[in-house]
C-alpha atoms as a PDB file:
ATOM      1  CA  MET A   1     134.433  10.095  -2.600  1.00  0.00           C
ATOM      2  CA  ASN A   2     137.705   9.098  -1.166  1.00  0.00           C
ATOM      3  CA  HIS A   3     140.896  10.532  -3.018  1.00  0.00           C
ATOM      4  CA  ILE A   4     144.070   9.920  -1.696  1.00  0.00           C
ATOM      5  CA  VAL A   5     147.434  11.776  -3.099  1.00  0.00           C
ATOM      6  CA  HIS A   6     150.916  11.654  -1.605  1.00  0.00           C
ATOM      7  CA  ASN A   7     153.026  14.786  -2.319  1.00  0.00           C
ATOM      8  CA  TYR A   8     156.572  13.464  -1.147  1.00  0.00           C
ATOM      9  CA  GLY A   9     158.733  16.354  -1.437  1.00  0.00           C
ATOM     10  CA  LEU A  10     156.645  18.826  -3.092  1.00  0.00           C
ATOM     11  CA  HIS A  11     158.249  22.140  -3.570  1.00  0.00           C
ATOM     12  CA  VAL A  12     156.180  25.316  -5.152  1.00  0.00           C
ATOM     13  CA  GLY A  13     158.442  28.017  -6.110  1.00  0.00           C
ATOM     14  CA  ASN A  14     156.410  30.284  -8.067  1.00  0.00           C
ATOM     15  CA  ILE A  15     152.733  30.662  -8.967  1.00  0.00           C
ATOM     16  CA  ARG A  16     150.809  32.824 -11.432  1.00  0.00           C
ATOM     17  CA  VAL A  17     146.992  32.875 -11.662  1.00  0.00           C
ATOM     18  CA  THR A  18     146.019  34.729 -14.951  1.00  0.00           C
ATOM     19  CA  GLY A  19     142.251  34.090 -14.628  1.00  0.00           C
ATOM     20  CA  VAL A  20     139.432  32.841 -12.154  1.00  0.00           C
ATOM     21  CA  SER A  21     136.309  30.751 -13.404  1.00  0.00           C
ATOM     22  CA  GLY A  22     132.589  31.055 -11.887  1.00  0.00           C
ATOM     23  CA  SER A  23     133.922  27.992  -9.599  1.00  0.00           C
ATOM     24  CA  SER A  24     137.327  27.582  -8.740  1.00  0.00           C
ATOM     25  CA  LEU A  25     139.617  25.762  -6.178  1.00  0.00           C
ATOM     26  CA  PHE A  26     143.585  26.189  -6.109  1.00  0.00           C
ATOM     27  CA  LEU A  27     145.080  23.645  -3.760  1.00  0.00           C
ATOM     28  CA  ILE A  28     148.793  22.699  -3.189  1.00  0.00           C
ATOM     29  CA  GLY A  29     149.936  20.696  -0.488  1.00  0.00           C
ATOM     30  CA  ASP A  30     147.823  18.537   1.988  1.00  0.00           C
ATOM     31  CA  ASN A  31     144.630  19.527   3.618  1.00  0.00           C
ATOM     32  CA  LYS A  32     142.278  17.608   6.023  1.00  0.00           C
ATOM     33  CA  THR A  33     139.410  19.999   5.447  1.00  0.00           C
ATOM     34  CA  VAL A  34     138.376  21.763   2.190  1.00  0.00           C
ATOM     35  CA  ARG A  35     135.456  24.249   2.920  1.00  0.00           C
ATOM     36  CA  LEU A  36     134.393  26.181  -0.376  1.00  0.00           C
ATOM     37  CA  GLN A  37     132.584  29.951  -0.328  1.00  0.00           C
ATOM     38  CA  SER A  38     131.427  31.895  -3.407  1.00  0.00           C
ATOM     39  CA  PHE A  39     129.863  35.080  -3.878  1.00  0.00           C
ATOM     40  CA  PHE A  40     128.011  36.812  -6.711  1.00  0.00           C
ATOM     41  CA  ASP A  41     129.352  40.197  -7.724  1.00  0.00           C
ATOM     42  CA  THR A  42     127.091  41.125 -10.716  1.00  0.00           C
ATOM     43  CA  PRO A  43     124.644  43.849  -9.939  1.00  0.00           C
ATOM     44  CA  PRO A  44     120.844  42.707  -9.414  1.00  0.00           C
ATOM     45  CA  GLU A  45     119.816  44.786 -12.279  1.00  0.00           C
ATOM     46  CA  SER A  46     121.949  42.568 -14.893  1.00  0.00           C
ATOM     47  CA  LEU A  47     120.348  39.425 -13.841  1.00  0.00           C
ATOM     48  CA  ILE A  48     117.938  37.565 -16.037  1.00  0.00           C
ATOM     49  CA  VAL A  49     115.749  35.279 -14.679  1.00  0.00           C
ATOM     50  CA  ARG A  50     113.724  32.852 -17.145  1.00  0.00           C
ATOM     51  CA  THR A  51     111.424  29.658 -16.587  1.00  0.00           C
ATOM     52  CA  GLN A  52     112.432  26.679 -17.918  1.00  0.00           C
ATOM     53  CA  GLY A  53     110.281  24.729 -20.137  1.00  0.00           C
ATOM     54  CA  PRO A  54     109.088  21.183 -19.058  1.00  0.00           C
ATOM     55  CA  VAL A  55     111.366  18.583 -19.179  1.00  0.00           C
ATOM     56  CA  VAL A  56     110.294  15.858 -21.961  1.00  0.00           C
ATOM     57  CA  GLU A  57     111.468  12.255 -21.467  1.00  0.00           C
ATOM     58  CA  GLU A  58     113.388  10.750 -24.028  1.00  0.00           C
ATOM     59  CA  GLY A  59     111.274   9.164 -26.933  1.00  0.00           C
ATOM     60  CA  ASN A  60     108.163  10.971 -25.755  1.00  0.00           C
ATOM     61  CA  ILE A  61     108.427  13.825 -27.496  1.00  0.00           C
ATOM     62  CA  SER A  62     105.744  15.789 -29.552  1.00  0.00           C
ATOM     63  CA  ILE A  63     105.522  18.256 -31.805  1.00  0.00           C
ATOM     64  CA  GLU A  64     102.765  20.221 -32.149  1.00  0.00           C
ATOM     65  CA  GLN A  65     102.129  22.605 -35.500  1.00  0.00           C
ATOM     66  CA  ASN A  66     100.648  25.714 -36.312  1.00  0.00           C
ATOM     67  CA  VAL A  67      97.619  24.655 -38.490  1.00  0.00           C
ATOM     68  CA  GLY A  68      96.066  27.346 -40.397  1.00  0.00           C
ATOM     69  CA  ARG A  69      98.416  30.204 -39.305  1.00  0.00           C
ATOM     70  CA  LYS A  70     100.507  32.485 -41.893  1.00  0.00           C
ATOM     71  CA  ASN A  71     103.909  33.840 -40.489  1.00  0.00           C
ATOM     72  CA  ASN A  72     103.084  37.747 -40.167  1.00  0.00           C
ATOM     73  CA  LYS A  73     105.670  40.263 -38.830  1.00  0.00           C
ATOM     74  CA  ASN A  74     102.231  41.960 -37.212  1.00  0.00           C
ATOM     75  CA  ASP A  75     101.363  38.925 -35.464  1.00  0.00           C
END
């Protein structure tokens, strides 16, 4: 992606950042190269890892029903 911006006479007097999201880039002025880096500061014990279900193509969805099975709280 090529994106050209001309900031002729750009002047920034004051910047106030009130929050940063999980993926942020704050850029003022011209840069030839942008190198992004991130780190994860959440403790490992709070990380929840789940497997993702199978991907089903649109239009080929099948629904299985539980036949002959009652909804039981002790099940």
